[in-house]
């Protein structure tokens, strides 16, 4: 299982809202624990009891958390962007970068362990979703805010409605089967297996719901009034926030370390 792991220079980094960094950091900690337990079972070192199997217990919620935060961060990043043209170029470039990192993971897992190679994991999803989300983000830019084109309600309602629609449509898509090239959509041959698989249906819907949440909680890139109590970061969260800000590096390095140990 992989996740959307963000760093200061990565795809959709939010501009210093420590609460998001802390949530992401907490998710990273859970991810490392998850992979440690998974590896123990996968390599036959220690079999996990069925009731404690991490995928059943908390693998799914961790994935939701990461992908949701990715959407929130997209909204925040866009609110700091000058205009629609700049936004489009930036998100296409960043989305392509994250997708390319995902392809490297595909190549590595194709070599080893091969069985269950990651063809479309979370990084692939985040890369593609970053680009697909552009139409939902055009009204968030500084230019739109200054010109009056920014409408707060439509800014979060549109991605929310589409996000829910994508999730509902996935109930139909998941019943379909098809060639391997349709794997990104959630359509795949019978017997398909991957160690990490987050297709656009339903997960792009979670990204869009995150975008909606970001637009509502942080209108024009600022905390909504009732979040004012979050102004000062508690010292106890500084370490977790640091992890959240460097999560891409931690993701890329943690599995080789765990497997090596």
Protein backbone atom coordinates (compact mmCIF):
# COMPACT_ATOMS: atom_id res chain seq x y z
CA UNK A 1 0.00 0.00 0.00
CA UNK A 2 1.36 3.42 -0.93
CA UNK A 3 0.09 6.85 -0.15
CA UNK A 4 0.07 10.43 -1.18
CA UNK A 5 3.18 11.62 0.58
CA UNK A 6 3.89 15.29 0.36
CA UNK A 7 7.01 17.36 0.90
CA UNK A 8 7.75 21.05 0.74
CA UNK A 9 8.61 20.87 -2.95
CA UNK A 10 6.17 18.15 -3.91
CA UNK A 11 3.00 18.03 -5.86
CA UNK A 12 0.36 19.59 -3.72
CA UNK A 13 2.00 20.91 -0.60
CA UNK A 14 -0.24 23.12 1.51
CA UNK A 15 1.36 26.40 2.58
CA UNK A 16 2.12 25.83 6.23
CA UNK A 17 -1.12 24.75 7.82
CA UNK A 18 0.38 22.65 10.57
CA UNK A 19 -2.86 20.78 11.26
CA UNK A 20 -2.72 19.19 7.80
CA UNK A 21 0.97 18.38 8.19
CA UNK A 22 0.18 16.76 11.54
CA UNK A 23 -2.66 14.68 10.06
CA UNK A 24 -0.40 13.61 7.22
CA UNK A 25 2.39 12.81 9.66
CA UNK A 26 0.04 10.72 11.78
CA UNK A 27 -0.97 8.86 8.64
CA UNK A 28 2.70 8.24 7.81
CA UNK A 29 3.25 6.68 11.23
CA UNK A 30 0.25 4.41 10.73
CA UNK A 31 1.51 3.56 7.25
CA UNK A 32 4.91 2.47 8.55
CA UNK A 33 3.23 0.27 11.19
CA UNK A 34 0.94 -1.13 8.51
CA UNK A 35 3.80 -2.04 6.20
CA UNK A 36 5.80 -3.55 9.04
CA UNK A 37 2.92 -5.88 9.94
CA UNK A 38 2.22 -6.59 6.28
CA UNK A 39 5.85 -7.50 5.60
CA UNK A 40 5.99 -9.81 8.61
CA UNK A 41 3.06 -11.76 7.20
CA UNK A 42 4.02 -11.46 3.50
CA UNK A 43 7.52 -12.87 4.03
CA UNK A 44 6.24 -15.62 6.33
CA UNK A 45 8.05 -14.31 9.41
CA UNK A 46 4.95 -14.02 11.56
CA UNK A 47 1.44 -14.78 10.43
CA UNK A 48 -1.12 -12.19 11.46
CA UNK A 49 -4.36 -13.50 12.98
CA UNK A 50 -7.35 -12.91 10.71
CA UNK A 51 -8.97 -10.48 13.13
CA UNK A 52 -5.81 -8.35 13.24
CA UNK A 53 -4.97 -8.40 9.54
CA UNK A 54 -3.95 -4.76 8.91
CA UNK A 55 -5.74 -4.38 5.59
CA UNK A 56 -9.00 -5.29 7.30
CA UNK A 57 -8.24 -3.31 10.44
CA UNK A 58 -6.96 0.03 9.24
CA UNK A 59 -5.32 -0.12 5.81
CA UNK A 60 -8.43 1.27 4.10
CA UNK A 61 -8.93 4.19 6.54
CA UNK A 62 -5.28 5.24 6.19
CA UNK A 63 -5.66 5.35 2.41
CA UNK A 64 -8.80 7.46 2.71
CA UNK A 65 -6.98 9.87 5.04
CA UNK A 66 -4.04 10.36 2.69
CA UNK A 67 -6.11 10.82 -0.44
CA UNK A 68 -8.56 13.15 1.30
CA UNK A 69 -5.69 15.32 2.58
CA UNK A 70 -4.31 15.35 -0.97
CA UNK A 71 -7.54 16.96 -2.17
CA UNK A 72 -7.53 19.52 0.66
CA UNK A 73 -3.94 20.43 -0.15
CA UNK A 74 -4.82 20.86 -3.83
CA UNK A 75 -7.40 23.49 -2.91
CA UNK A 76 -4.92 25.31 -0.67
CA UNK A 77 -2.14 25.23 -3.24
CA UNK A 78 -4.46 26.61 -5.92
CA UNK A 79 -5.59 29.52 -3.74
CA UNK A 80 -1.97 30.74 -3.76
CA UNK A 81 -1.63 30.47 -7.55
CA UNK A 82 -1.71 33.59 -9.73
CA UNK A 83 -4.04 32.67 -12.60
CA UNK A 84 -5.65 29.81 -14.54
CA UNK A 85 -2.81 29.43 -17.05
CA UNK A 86 -0.17 29.26 -14.33
CA UNK A 87 -2.32 26.82 -12.38
CA UNK A 88 -2.82 24.50 -15.35
CA UNK A 89 0.88 24.38 -16.19
CA UNK A 90 1.84 23.88 -12.55
CA UNK A 91 -0.58 21.04 -11.87
CA UNK A 92 0.17 19.23 -15.13
CA UNK A 93 3.88 19.41 -14.36
CA UNK A 94 3.44 18.30 -10.77
CA UNK A 95 0.94 15.60 -11.62
CA UNK A 96 3.30 14.20 -14.24
CA UNK A 97 6.13 14.19 -11.71
CA UNK A 98 4.17 12.21 -9.10
CA UNK A 99 2.93 9.81 -11.78
CA UNK A 100 6.53 9.30 -12.95
CA UNK A 101 7.54 8.39 -9.39
CA UNK A 102 4.67 5.90 -9.44
CA UNK A 103 6.03 4.39 -12.66
CA UNK A 104 9.40 3.88 -11.00
CA UNK A 105 7.62 1.95 -8.25
CA UNK A 106 5.86 -0.07 -10.96
CA UNK A 107 9.21 -0.96 -12.51
CA UNK A 108 10.74 -1.93 -9.16
CA UNK A 109 7.79 -4.08 -8.07
CA UNK A 110 7.63 -5.68 -11.52
CA UNK A 111 11.15 -6.97 -10.94
CA UNK A 112 10.50 -7.93 -7.32
CA UNK A 113 8.27 -9.39 -6.08
CA UNK A 114 6.57 -9.28 -9.53
CA UNK A 115 3.53 -11.16 -8.23
CA UNK A 116 1.30 -8.27 -7.25
CA UNK A 117 3.30 -5.58 -9.04
CA UNK A 118 1.90 -2.10 -8.43
CA UNK A 119 0.40 -0.95 -11.74
CA UNK A 120 -1.80 1.85 -10.43
CA UNK A 121 -1.18 2.64 -6.80
CA UNK A 122 -1.73 5.78 -4.77
CA UNK A 123 1.09 7.75 -6.37
CA UNK A 124 -0.25 6.94 -9.84
CA UNK A 125 -3.69 8.01 -8.62
CA UNK A 126 -2.48 11.27 -7.12
CA UNK A 127 -0.51 12.14 -10.25
CA UNK A 128 -3.47 11.60 -12.58
CA UNK A 129 -5.98 13.14 -10.16
CA UNK A 130 -3.88 16.29 -9.82
CA UNK A 131 -4.28 16.85 -13.55
CA UNK A 132 -7.93 15.79 -13.73
CA UNK A 133 -8.82 18.14 -10.87
CA UNK A 134 -7.71 21.26 -12.80
CA UNK A 135 -11.23 22.15 -14.10
CA UNK A 136 -12.56 22.06 -10.52
CA UNK A 137 -9.81 24.39 -9.31
CA UNK A 138 -9.78 27.16 -11.91
CA UNK A 139 -12.07 29.40 -9.84
CA UNK A 140 -9.75 29.20 -6.80
CA UNK A 141 -6.85 31.26 -8.20
CA UNK A 142 -5.84 34.72 -6.95
CA UNK A 143 -6.99 36.20 -10.28
CA UNK A 144 -10.46 34.74 -9.76
CA UNK A 145 -10.55 36.06 -6.19
CA UNK A 146 -9.59 39.58 -7.24
CA UNK A 147 -11.93 39.70 -10.25
CA UNK A 148 -14.88 38.49 -8.22
CA UNK A 149 -15.22 35.24 -10.17
CA UNK A 150 -14.56 33.27 -7.01
CA UNK A 151 -17.88 32.04 -5.63
CA UNK A 152 -17.47 30.30 -2.32
CA UNK A 153 -20.49 28.02 -2.59
CA UNK A 154 -19.78 26.80 -6.11
CA UNK A 155 -16.12 26.38 -5.20
CA UNK A 156 -16.92 23.52 -2.84
CA UNK A 157 -20.33 22.30 -4.04
CA UNK A 158 -19.18 21.37 -7.56
CA UNK A 159 -16.28 19.10 -6.53
CA UNK A 160 -18.41 17.65 -3.72
CA UNK A 161 -21.22 16.65 -6.09
CA UNK A 162 -18.84 15.21 -8.69
CA UNK A 163 -16.86 13.43 -6.00
CA UNK A 164 -19.95 11.71 -4.65
CA UNK A 165 -21.00 10.84 -8.21
CA UNK A 166 -17.62 9.20 -8.92
CA UNK A 167 -17.86 7.12 -5.75
CA UNK A 168 -21.41 6.01 -6.55
CA UNK A 169 -20.44 5.18 -10.15
CA UNK A 170 -17.65 2.95 -8.83
CA UNK A 171 -20.31 0.51 -7.62
CA UNK A 172 -21.11 -0.10 -11.29
CA UNK A 173 -17.50 -0.01 -12.50
CA UNK A 174 -16.30 -2.57 -9.94
CA UNK A 175 -18.65 -5.16 -11.45
CA UNK A 176 -17.02 -4.83 -14.87
CA UNK A 177 -14.03 -6.71 -16.22
CA UNK A 178 -11.80 -5.75 -19.11
CA UNK A 179 -8.27 -5.60 -20.51
CA UNK A 180 -5.29 -4.68 -18.36
CA UNK A 181 -4.98 -1.19 -19.87
CA UNK A 182 -8.26 -0.24 -18.17
CA UNK A 183 -6.81 -0.88 -14.70
CA UNK A 184 -6.56 2.89 -13.92
CA UNK A 185 -10.35 3.13 -14.16
CA UNK A 186 -11.02 0.20 -11.84
CA UNK A 187 -11.75 -2.25 -14.67
CA UNK A 188 -9.41 -5.21 -14.89
CA UNK A 189 -9.20 -8.86 -15.95
CA UNK A 190 -10.53 -11.57 -13.66
CA UNK A 191 -7.90 -12.67 -11.18
CA UNK A 192 -6.09 -9.34 -11.22
CA UNK A 193 -3.98 -8.81 -8.09
CA UNK A 194 -1.77 -5.93 -6.96
CA UNK A 195 -0.10 -5.09 -3.67
CA UNK A 196 -1.43 -1.55 -3.98
CA UNK A 197 -4.37 -0.62 -6.16
CA UNK A 198 -6.31 2.65 -5.99
CA UNK A 199 -8.17 3.21 -9.28
CA UNK A 200 -9.82 6.47 -10.30
CA UNK A 201 -13.21 4.95 -9.46
CA UNK A 202 -13.80 5.52 -6.55
CA UNK A 203 -10.61 7.24 -5.36
CA UNK A 204 -10.72 10.30 -7.61
CA UNK A 205 -14.04 10.94 -5.90
CA UNK A 206 -12.26 11.05 -2.53
CA UNK A 207 -9.76 13.56 -3.97
CA UNK A 208 -12.63 15.79 -5.13
CA UNK A 209 -14.33 15.58 -1.75
CA UNK A 210 -11.01 16.65 -0.24
CA UNK A 211 -10.92 19.58 -2.67
CA UNK A 212 -14.44 20.53 -1.56
CA UNK A 213 -13.43 20.31 2.10
CA UNK A 214 -10.36 22.44 1.43
CA UNK A 215 -12.43 25.08 -0.35
CA UNK A 216 -14.93 25.19 2.51
CA UNK A 217 -12.55 25.00 5.47
CA UNK A 218 -9.93 27.33 3.93
CA UNK A 219 -11.78 29.82 1.68
CA UNK A 220 -9.27 31.87 -0.32
CA UNK A 221 -6.47 29.95 1.38
CA UNK A 222 -7.32 31.13 4.92
CA UNK A 223 -8.73 29.22 7.87
CA UNK A 224 -12.47 29.57 8.33
CA UNK A 225 -13.40 31.50 11.46
CA UNK A 226 -14.21 28.53 13.67
CA UNK A 227 -10.71 27.15 13.00
CA UNK A 228 -9.04 30.20 14.53
CA UNK A 229 -8.18 28.15 17.63
CA UNK A 230 -5.63 26.32 15.43
CA UNK A 231 -3.54 29.47 14.97
CA UNK A 232 -0.67 28.39 17.23
CA UNK A 233 0.87 24.96 16.78
CA UNK A 234 1.09 22.95 20.02
CA UNK A 235 4.70 21.88 20.74
CA UNK A 236 3.57 18.26 21.00
CA UNK A 237 2.63 18.27 17.30
CA UNK A 238 5.88 19.69 15.93
CA UNK A 239 7.52 16.30 15.47
CA UNK A 240 4.47 14.80 13.77
CA UNK A 241 4.15 17.88 11.54
CA UNK A 242 7.79 17.49 10.52
CA UNK A 243 7.08 13.90 9.47
CA UNK A 244 4.12 15.12 7.44
CA UNK A 245 6.27 17.70 5.63
CA UNK A 246 8.85 15.07 4.66
CA UNK A 247 6.51 12.18 4.01
CA UNK A 248 7.51 11.53 0.39
CA UNK A 249 11.10 10.82 1.42
CA UNK A 250 9.89 8.65 4.28
CA UNK A 251 7.63 6.72 1.94
CA UNK A 252 10.36 6.08 -0.59
CA UNK A 253 12.80 4.92 2.06
CA UNK A 254 10.80 3.12 4.73
CA UNK A 255 10.07 -0.15 2.91
CA UNK A 256 13.70 -0.90 1.96
CA UNK A 257 14.64 -0.24 5.59
CA UNK A 258 11.90 -2.50 6.97
CA UNK A 259 12.67 -5.30 4.52
CA UNK A 260 16.39 -4.94 5.18
CA UNK A 261 15.86 -5.25 8.92
